[in-house]
Amino acid sequence: MAQNICGVVNGYEKRLQGMPYVPKLSYGRAMVGEDDAPNKIFLKYLFCDHAIAIQFMKDVGLRRGKVQCNTCRRDMT
C-alpha cells in the first residue's frame, strides 16, 4: 500500500513540476523527501488546483470515486 502511494506521489510531483504556477525550486529543495514522502511544498502546490487535489485524494484512497445513495441504491452525482 505504501509503495503504491509513493508511486502516486512521484507521478504527481512530475505533473506539478510542469505546471506554470509552480516556481522552479531553489536552494536544492525538492517537493518530495528522501523517503518519497510529500513535504509542505508538494502539498501547497498540489492543493492550489482543486481538480488535481481531488483526483490525488481519489488516487491514494482518501476519497471515494463514487458514493451510493442509501435510498435508491444508485451512484450519487
N, C-alpha and C. Protein backbone atom coordinates (compact mmCIF):
# COMPACT_ATOMS: atom_id res chain seq x y z
N MET A 1 0.82 -1.20 0.00
CA MET A 1 0.00 0.00 0.00
C MET A 1 0.86 1.26 0.00
N ALA A 2 1.87 1.31 0.88
CA ALA A 2 2.72 2.49 0.96
C ALA A 2 3.51 2.71 -0.33
N GLN A 3 3.96 1.62 -0.95
CA GLN A 3 4.69 1.77 -2.20
C GLN A 3 3.78 2.30 -3.30
N ASN A 4 2.53 1.89 -3.29
CA ASN A 4 1.57 2.40 -4.26
C ASN A 4 1.38 3.91 -4.10
N ILE A 5 1.25 4.35 -2.84
CA ILE A 5 1.09 5.78 -2.56
C ILE A 5 2.33 6.55 -2.98
N CYS A 6 3.52 5.99 -2.72
CA CYS A 6 4.76 6.65 -3.13
C CYS A 6 4.82 6.80 -4.65
N GLY A 7 4.34 5.79 -5.35
CA GLY A 7 4.31 5.88 -6.82
C GLY A 7 3.36 6.97 -7.29
N VAL A 8 2.21 7.09 -6.64
CA VAL A 8 1.25 8.15 -6.99
C VAL A 8 1.87 9.52 -6.70
N VAL A 9 2.52 9.65 -5.54
CA VAL A 9 3.15 10.92 -5.17
C VAL A 9 4.22 11.31 -6.18
N ASN A 10 5.04 10.35 -6.60
CA ASN A 10 6.09 10.64 -7.59
C ASN A 10 5.49 11.08 -8.92
N GLY A 11 4.39 10.46 -9.32
CA GLY A 11 3.72 10.86 -10.56
C GLY A 11 3.18 12.28 -10.48
N TYR A 12 2.59 12.61 -9.34
CA TYR A 12 2.06 13.97 -9.17
C TYR A 12 3.19 14.99 -9.03
N GLU A 13 4.31 14.59 -8.47
CA GLU A 13 5.45 15.52 -8.38
C GLU A 13 5.89 15.93 -9.78
N LYS A 14 6.02 14.97 -10.67
CA LYS A 14 6.40 15.27 -12.06
C LYS A 14 5.35 16.15 -12.73
N ARG A 15 4.09 15.84 -12.47
CA ARG A 15 2.99 16.62 -13.05
C ARG A 15 3.01 18.07 -12.55
N LEU A 16 3.25 18.24 -11.26
CA LEU A 16 3.28 19.59 -10.68
C LEU A 16 4.46 20.40 -11.19
N GLN A 17 5.58 19.76 -11.42
CA GLN A 17 6.75 20.48 -11.91
C GLN A 17 6.52 21.11 -13.27
N GLY A 18 5.58 20.58 -14.02
CA GLY A 18 5.26 21.15 -15.32
C GLY A 18 4.19 22.22 -15.29
N MET A 19 3.61 22.48 -14.13
CA MET A 19 2.56 23.48 -14.00
C MET A 19 3.14 24.89 -14.02
N PRO A 20 2.46 25.83 -14.67
CA PRO A 20 3.01 27.19 -14.78
C PRO A 20 3.03 27.94 -13.44
N TYR A 21 2.17 27.60 -12.50
CA TYR A 21 2.14 28.33 -11.24
C TYR A 21 3.13 27.79 -10.20
N VAL A 22 3.80 26.70 -10.51
CA VAL A 22 4.79 26.14 -9.59
C VAL A 22 6.17 26.66 -9.98
N PRO A 23 6.80 27.46 -9.11
CA PRO A 23 8.12 28.01 -9.44
C PRO A 23 9.19 26.92 -9.43
N LYS A 24 10.25 27.18 -10.18
CA LYS A 24 11.39 26.28 -10.13
C LYS A 24 11.98 26.41 -8.74
N LEU A 25 12.11 25.31 -8.06
CA LEU A 25 12.55 25.34 -6.67
C LEU A 25 14.04 25.68 -6.58
N SER A 26 14.37 26.45 -5.58
CA SER A 26 15.75 26.85 -5.39
C SER A 26 16.30 26.27 -4.09
N TYR A 27 17.53 26.54 -3.83
CA TYR A 27 18.22 26.08 -2.63
C TYR A 27 18.26 24.56 -2.53
N GLY A 28 18.13 23.88 -3.64
CA GLY A 28 18.23 22.43 -3.65
C GLY A 28 17.09 21.70 -2.96
N ARG A 29 15.98 22.38 -2.74
CA ARG A 29 14.84 21.76 -2.06
C ARG A 29 13.96 21.04 -3.06
N ALA A 30 13.55 19.86 -2.71
CA ALA A 30 12.67 19.06 -3.57
C ALA A 30 11.26 19.07 -2.98
N MET A 31 10.30 18.64 -3.78
CA MET A 31 8.91 18.57 -3.32
C MET A 31 8.63 17.27 -2.59
N VAL A 32 9.52 16.29 -2.75
CA VAL A 32 9.34 15.01 -2.10
C VAL A 32 10.63 14.68 -1.35
N GLY A 33 10.50 14.20 -0.12
CA GLY A 33 11.66 13.88 0.69
C GLY A 33 12.39 12.63 0.23
N GLU A 34 13.49 12.33 0.90
CA GLU A 34 14.30 11.16 0.55
C GLU A 34 13.52 9.86 0.70
N ASP A 35 12.55 9.84 1.60
CA ASP A 35 11.74 8.63 1.82
C ASP A 35 10.49 8.62 0.94
N ASP A 36 10.47 9.46 -0.10
CA ASP A 36 9.35 9.58 -1.05
C ASP A 36 8.08 10.12 -0.40
N ALA A 37 8.21 10.74 0.75
CA ALA A 37 7.06 11.34 1.42
C ALA A 37 6.91 12.79 0.96
N PRO A 38 5.69 13.21 0.65
CA PRO A 38 5.49 14.59 0.22
C PRO A 38 5.74 15.56 1.37
N ASN A 39 6.29 16.72 1.04
CA ASN A 39 6.52 17.73 2.07
C ASN A 39 5.56 18.91 1.88
N LYS A 40 5.76 19.96 2.65
CA LYS A 40 4.84 21.11 2.61
C LYS A 40 4.78 21.75 1.24
N ILE A 41 5.90 21.82 0.56
CA ILE A 41 5.92 22.45 -0.77
C ILE A 41 5.04 21.66 -1.74
N PHE A 42 5.17 20.35 -1.72
CA PHE A 42 4.36 19.49 -2.58
C PHE A 42 2.88 19.71 -2.31
N LEU A 43 2.51 19.63 -1.02
CA LEU A 43 1.10 19.76 -0.67
C LEU A 43 0.55 21.15 -0.96
N LYS A 44 1.37 22.17 -0.78
CA LYS A 44 0.93 23.54 -1.05
C LYS A 44 0.53 23.70 -2.53
N TYR A 45 1.38 23.25 -3.42
CA TYR A 45 1.09 23.43 -4.84
C TYR A 45 0.08 22.41 -5.35
N LEU A 46 0.02 21.25 -4.74
CA LEU A 46 -0.98 20.26 -5.13
C LEU A 46 -2.39 20.79 -4.87
N PHE A 47 -2.59 21.42 -3.71
CA PHE A 47 -3.92 21.90 -3.35
C PHE A 47 -4.22 23.30 -3.88
N CYS A 48 -3.36 23.85 -4.73
CA CYS A 48 -3.67 25.10 -5.43
C CYS A 48 -4.69 24.86 -6.55
N ASP A 49 -4.71 23.65 -7.07
CA ASP A 49 -5.62 23.30 -8.15
C ASP A 49 -6.64 22.30 -7.61
N HIS A 50 -7.90 22.72 -7.54
CA HIS A 50 -8.96 21.91 -6.94
C HIS A 50 -9.11 20.56 -7.63
N ALA A 51 -9.14 20.54 -8.94
CA ALA A 51 -9.36 19.29 -9.67
C ALA A 51 -8.21 18.30 -9.45
N ILE A 52 -6.99 18.79 -9.46
CA ILE A 52 -5.83 17.92 -9.23
C ILE A 52 -5.85 17.38 -7.81
N ALA A 53 -6.20 18.23 -6.85
CA ALA A 53 -6.23 17.81 -5.45
C ALA A 53 -7.26 16.71 -5.23
N ILE A 54 -8.45 16.86 -5.82
CA ILE A 54 -9.50 15.85 -5.67
C ILE A 54 -9.06 14.54 -6.30
N GLN A 55 -8.47 14.61 -7.50
CA GLN A 55 -8.02 13.39 -8.17
C GLN A 55 -6.90 12.72 -7.38
N PHE A 56 -5.99 13.49 -6.79
CA PHE A 56 -4.92 12.94 -5.97
C PHE A 56 -5.51 12.18 -4.78
N MET A 57 -6.49 12.77 -4.11
CA MET A 57 -7.11 12.12 -2.95
C MET A 57 -7.80 10.81 -3.35
N LYS A 58 -8.40 10.78 -4.53
CA LYS A 58 -9.00 9.54 -5.02
C LYS A 58 -7.93 8.50 -5.32
N ASP A 59 -6.83 8.94 -5.95
CA ASP A 59 -5.77 8.01 -6.34
C ASP A 59 -5.07 7.37 -5.15
N VAL A 60 -4.95 8.08 -4.04
CA VAL A 60 -4.29 7.49 -2.86
C VAL A 60 -5.30 6.86 -1.90
N GLY A 61 -6.58 6.92 -2.21
CA GLY A 61 -7.59 6.25 -1.41
C GLY A 61 -8.16 7.06 -0.26
N LEU A 62 -7.96 8.37 -0.27
CA LEU A 62 -8.51 9.22 0.79
C LEU A 62 -9.94 9.66 0.51
N ARG A 63 -10.37 9.51 -0.73
CA ARG A 63 -11.72 9.91 -1.11
C ARG A 63 -12.27 8.89 -2.10
N ARG A 64 -13.51 8.55 -1.93
CA ARG A 64 -14.14 7.60 -2.85
C ARG A 64 -14.44 8.27 -4.17
N GLY A 65 -14.39 7.46 -5.22
CA GLY A 65 -14.74 7.97 -6.54
C GLY A 65 -16.24 8.06 -6.73
N LYS A 66 -16.96 7.13 -6.09
CA LYS A 66 -18.42 7.09 -6.20
C LYS A 66 -19.00 6.81 -4.81
N VAL A 67 -20.18 7.36 -4.57
CA VAL A 67 -20.91 7.11 -3.34
C VAL A 67 -22.31 6.68 -3.72
N GLN A 68 -22.79 5.63 -3.10
CA GLN A 68 -24.10 5.10 -3.43
C GLN A 68 -25.17 5.70 -2.51
N CYS A 69 -26.30 6.05 -3.10
CA CYS A 69 -27.43 6.58 -2.35
C CYS A 69 -28.07 5.46 -1.53
N ASN A 70 -28.35 5.74 -0.27
CA ASN A 70 -28.97 4.74 0.60
C ASN A 70 -30.42 4.46 0.24
N THR A 71 -31.09 5.41 -0.41
CA THR A 71 -32.50 5.26 -0.75
C THR A 71 -32.71 4.48 -2.05
N CYS A 72 -32.06 4.94 -3.13
CA CYS A 72 -32.31 4.33 -4.45
C CYS A 72 -31.21 3.38 -4.90
N ARG A 73 -30.13 3.29 -4.16
CA ARG A 73 -29.01 2.40 -4.45
C ARG A 73 -28.31 2.71 -5.78
N ARG A 74 -28.40 3.93 -6.25
CA ARG A 74 -27.69 4.37 -7.44
C ARG A 74 -26.52 5.27 -7.03
N ASP A 75 -25.55 5.39 -7.95
CA ASP A 75 -24.42 6.28 -7.67
C ASP A 75 -24.88 7.72 -7.62
N MET A 76 -24.41 8.44 -6.61
CA MET A 76 -24.75 9.86 -6.49
C MET A 76 -23.93 10.68 -7.49
N THR A 77 -24.48 11.81 -7.85
CA THR A 77 -23.75 12.72 -8.73
C THR A 77 -23.51 14.03 -8.02
